[in-house]
PDB file of N, CA and C in Angstrom:
ATOM      1  N   MET A   1     105.852  -6.446  64.502  1.00  0.00           N
ATOM      2  CA  MET A   1     105.356  -6.164  65.834  1.00  0.00           C
ATOM      3  C   MET A   1     105.600  -4.706  66.215  1.00  0.00           C
ATOM      4  N   ASP A   2     106.715  -4.163  65.740  1.00  0.00           N
ATOM      5  CA  ASP A   2     107.049  -2.778  66.054  1.00  0.00           C
ATOM      6  C   ASP A   2     106.040  -1.811  65.432  1.00  0.00           C
ATOM      7  N   ALA A   3     105.596  -2.119  64.213  1.00  0.00           N
ATOM      8  CA  ALA A   3     104.622  -1.255  63.546  1.00  0.00           C
ATOM      9  C   ALA A   3     103.274  -1.301  64.260  1.00  0.00           C
ATOM     10  N   VAL A   4     102.927  -2.464  64.789  1.00  0.00           N
ATOM     11  CA  VAL A   4     101.660  -2.594  65.507  1.00  0.00           C
ATOM     12  C   VAL A   4     101.676  -1.746  66.774  1.00  0.00           C
ATOM     13  N   MET A   5     102.763  -1.808  67.518  1.00  0.00           N
ATOM     14  CA  MET A   5     102.879  -1.015  68.743  1.00  0.00           C
ATOM     15  C   MET A   5     102.878   0.480  68.440  1.00  0.00           C
ATOM     16  N   LYS A   6     103.544   0.863  67.348  1.00  0.00           N
ATOM     17  CA  LYS A   6     103.569   2.277  66.964  1.00  0.00           C
ATOM     18  C   LYS A   6     102.161   2.755  66.627  1.00  0.00           C
ATOM     19  N   GLU A   7     101.417   1.937  65.885  1.00  0.00           N
ATOM     20  CA  GLU A   7     100.049   2.314  65.529  1.00  0.00           C
ATOM     21  C   GLU A   7      99.145   2.342  66.756  1.00  0.00           C
ATOM     22  N   LEU A   8      99.350   1.418  67.683  1.00  0.00           N
ATOM     23  CA  LEU A   8      98.516   1.355  68.885  1.00  0.00           C
ATOM     24  C   LEU A   8      98.692   2.595  69.749  1.00  0.00           C
ATOM     25  N   PHE A   9      99.916   3.082  69.891  1.00  0.00           N
ATOM     26  CA  PHE A   9     100.177   4.195  70.805  1.00  0.00           C
ATOM     27  C   PHE A   9     100.189   5.566  70.146  1.00  0.00           C
ATOM     28  N   THR A  10     100.150   5.646  68.821  1.00  0.00           N
ATOM     29  CA  THR A  10     100.254   6.959  68.182  1.00  0.00           C
ATOM     30  C   THR A  10      99.009   7.390  67.422  1.00  0.00           C
ATOM     31  N   THR A  11      98.211   6.446  66.919  1.00  0.00           N
ATOM     32  CA  THR A  11      97.033   6.853  66.146  1.00  0.00           C
ATOM     33  C   THR A  11      95.828   7.029  67.063  1.00  0.00           C
ATOM     34  N   ASP A  12      94.860   7.782  66.577  1.00  0.00           N
ATOM     35  CA  ASP A  12      93.650   8.025  67.363  1.00  0.00           C
ATOM     36  C   ASP A  12      92.886   6.730  67.641  1.00  0.00           C
ATOM     37  N   ILE A  13      92.725   5.899  66.628  1.00  0.00           N
ATOM     38  CA  ILE A  13      91.966   4.664  66.800  1.00  0.00           C
ATOM     39  C   ILE A  13      92.712   3.683  67.709  1.00  0.00           C
ATOM     40  N   GLY A  14      94.021   3.704  67.674  1.00  0.00           N
ATOM     41  CA  GLY A  14      94.804   2.854  68.556  1.00  0.00           C
ATOM     42  C   GLY A  14      94.656   3.271  70.009  1.00  0.00           C
ATOM     43  N   LEU A  15      94.705   4.568  70.253  1.00  0.00           N
ATOM     44  CA  LEU A  15      94.525   5.068  71.612  1.00  0.00           C
ATOM     45  C   LEU A  15      93.116   4.804  72.117  1.00  0.00           C
ATOM     46  N   LEU A  16      92.129   4.917  71.233  1.00  0.00           N
ATOM     47  CA  LEU A  16      90.752   4.614  71.611  1.00  0.00           C
ATOM     48  C   LEU A  16      90.602   3.138  71.975  1.00  0.00           C
ATOM     49  N   ALA A  17      91.223   2.261  71.210  1.00  0.00           N
ATOM     50  CA  ALA A  17      91.178   0.831  71.510  1.00  0.00           C
ATOM     51  C   ALA A  17      91.873   0.538  72.837  1.00  0.00           C
ATOM     52  N   LEU A  18      92.988   1.183  73.087  1.00  0.00           N
ATOM     53  CA  LEU A  18      93.714   0.999  74.341  1.00  0.00           C
ATOM     54  C   LEU A  18      92.883   1.482  75.528  1.00  0.00           C
ATOM     55  N   PHE A  19      92.253   2.634  75.390  1.00  0.00           N
ATOM     56  CA  PHE A  19      91.390   3.160  76.440  1.00  0.00           C
ATOM     57  C   PHE A  19      90.206   2.234  76.686  1.00  0.00           C
ATOM     58  N   THR A  20      89.613   1.707  75.624  1.00  0.00           N
ATOM     59  CA  THR A  20      88.473   0.806  75.752  1.00  0.00           C
ATOM     60  C   THR A  20      88.853  -0.466  76.495  1.00  0.00           C
ATOM     61  N   LEU A  21      89.984  -1.045  76.147  1.00  0.00           N
ATOM     62  CA  LEU A  21      90.444  -2.246  76.843  1.00  0.00           C
ATOM     63  C   LEU A  21      90.720  -1.957  78.319  1.00  0.00           C
ATOM     64  N   GLY A  22      91.356  -0.854  78.602  1.00  0.00           N
ATOM     65  CA  GLY A  22      91.627  -0.481  79.985  1.00  0.00           C
ATOM     66  C   GLY A  22      90.350  -0.250  80.777  1.00  0.00           C
ATOM     67  N   PHE A  23      89.378   0.399  80.152  1.00  0.00           N
ATOM     68  CA  PHE A  23      88.101   0.649  80.812  1.00  0.00           C
ATOM     69  C   PHE A  23      87.369  -0.653  81.096  1.00  0.00           C
ATOM     70  N   MET A  24      87.385  -1.583  80.144  1.00  0.00           N
ATOM     71  CA  MET A  24      86.718  -2.866  80.347  1.00  0.00           C
ATOM     72  C   MET A  24      87.363  -3.661  81.484  1.00  0.00           C
ATOM     73  N   ILE A  25      88.677  -3.652  81.564  1.00  0.00           N
ATOM     74  CA  ILE A  25      89.378  -4.359  82.637  1.00  0.00           C
ATOM     75  C   ILE A  25      89.063  -3.709  83.984  1.00  0.00           C
ATOM     76  N   ALA A  26      89.091  -2.377  84.041  1.00  0.00           N
ATOM     77  CA  ALA A  26      88.793  -1.675  85.292  1.00  0.00           C
ATOM     78  C   ALA A  26      87.350  -1.916  85.726  1.00  0.00           C
ATOM     79  N   MET A  27      86.403  -1.892  84.788  1.00  0.00           N
ATOM     80  CA  MET A  27      85.000  -2.132  85.123  1.00  0.00           C
ATOM     81  C   MET A  27      84.799  -3.561  85.612  1.00  0.00           C
ATOM     82  N   GLY A  28      85.469  -4.512  84.994  1.00  0.00           N
ATOM     83  CA  GLY A  28      85.378  -5.908  85.430  1.00  0.00           C
ATOM     84  C   GLY A  28      85.911  -6.091  86.837  1.00  0.00           C
ATOM     85  N   LEU A  29      87.042  -5.461  87.152  1.00  0.00           N
ATOM     86  CA  LEU A  29      87.598  -5.550  88.501  1.00  0.00           C
ATOM     87  C   LEU A  29      86.688  -4.887  89.525  1.00  0.00           C
ATOM     88  N   PHE A  30      86.112  -3.759  89.151  1.00  0.00           N
ATOM     89  CA  PHE A  30      85.195  -3.066  90.049  1.00  0.00           C
ATOM     90  C   PHE A  30      83.966  -3.915  90.327  1.00  0.00           C
ATOM     91  N   LEU A  31      83.375  -4.489  89.297  1.00  0.00           N
ATOM     92  CA  LEU A  31      82.192  -5.333  89.486  1.00  0.00           C
ATOM     93  C   LEU A  31      82.519  -6.579  90.296  1.00  0.00           C
ATOM     94  N   TRP A  32      83.665  -7.186  90.040  1.00  0.00           N
ATOM     95  CA  TRP A  32      84.075  -8.354  90.814  1.00  0.00           C
ATOM     96  C   TRP A  32      84.218  -7.996  92.296  1.00  0.00           C
ATOM     97  N   TYR A  33      84.827  -6.854  92.584  1.00  0.00           N
ATOM     98  CA  TYR A  33      85.005  -6.416  93.967  1.00  0.00           C
ATOM     99  C   TYR A  33      83.658  -6.179  94.640  1.00  0.00           C
ATOM    100  N   ARG A  34      82.765  -5.456  93.973  1.00  0.00           N
ATOM    101  CA  ARG A  34      81.460  -5.144  94.566  1.00  0.00           C
ATOM    102  C   ARG A  34      80.627  -6.404  94.781  1.00  0.00           C
ATOM    103  N   LEU A  35      80.606  -7.298  93.791  1.00  0.00           N
ATOM    104  CA  LEU A  35      79.798  -8.504  93.913  1.00  0.00           C
ATOM    105  C   LEU A  35      80.352  -9.438  94.982  1.00  0.00           C
ATOM    106  N   SER A  36      81.659  -9.570  95.071  1.00  0.00           N
ATOM    107  CA  SER A  36      82.234 -10.444  96.097  1.00  0.00           C
ATOM    108  C   SER A  36      82.015  -9.852  97.495  1.00  0.00           C
ATOM    109  N   LYS A  37      82.077  -8.527  97.600  1.00  0.00           N
ATOM    110  CA  LYS A  37      81.824  -7.875  98.882  1.00  0.00           C
ATOM    111  C   LYS A  37      80.375  -8.091  99.316  1.00  0.00           C
ATOM    112  N   ASN A  38      79.430  -7.943  98.384  1.00  0.00           N
ATOM    113  CA  ASN A  38      78.014  -8.155  98.704  1.00  0.00           C
ATOM    114  C   ASN A  38      77.733  -9.616  99.005  1.00  0.00           C
ATOM    115  N   ALA A  39      78.379 -10.547  98.337  1.00  0.00           N
ATOM    116  CA  ALA A  39      78.151 -11.971  98.580  1.00  0.00           C
ATOM    117  C   ALA A  39      78.621 -12.363  99.972  1.00  0.00           C
ATOM    118  N   HIS A  40      79.720 -11.785 100.420  1.00  0.00           N
ATOM    119  CA  HIS A  40      80.231 -12.112 101.752  1.00  0.00           C
ATOM    120  C   HIS A  40      79.406 -11.437 102.837  1.00  0.00           C
ATOM    121  N   GLN A  41      78.790 -10.302 102.537  1.00  0.00           N
ATOM    122  CA  GLN A  41      77.973  -9.593 103.519  1.00  0.00           C
ATOM    123  C   GLN A  41      76.677 -10.345 103.812  1.00  0.00           C
ATOM    124  N   LYS A  42      76.089 -10.972 102.811  1.00  0.00           N
ATOM    125  CA  LYS A  42      74.773 -11.591 102.975  1.00  0.00           C
ATOM    126  C   LYS A  42      74.842 -12.859 103.827  1.00  0.00           C
ATOM    127  N   GLN A  43      76.007 -13.471 103.967  1.00  0.00           N
ATOM    128  CA  GLN A  43      76.095 -14.736 104.706  1.00  0.00           C
ATOM    129  C   GLN A  43      76.038 -14.548 106.186  1.00  0.00           C
TER     130      GLN A  43
END
């Protein structure tokens, strides 16, 4: 497990994967917020 964490935080591909996961989570939260806000406005 230690080697996996080292590779995730130190290699280029690991950092890219970490950034991609973070971006996907942030985009999902943003879309959820916008869609729920619009759904409540239309009622």
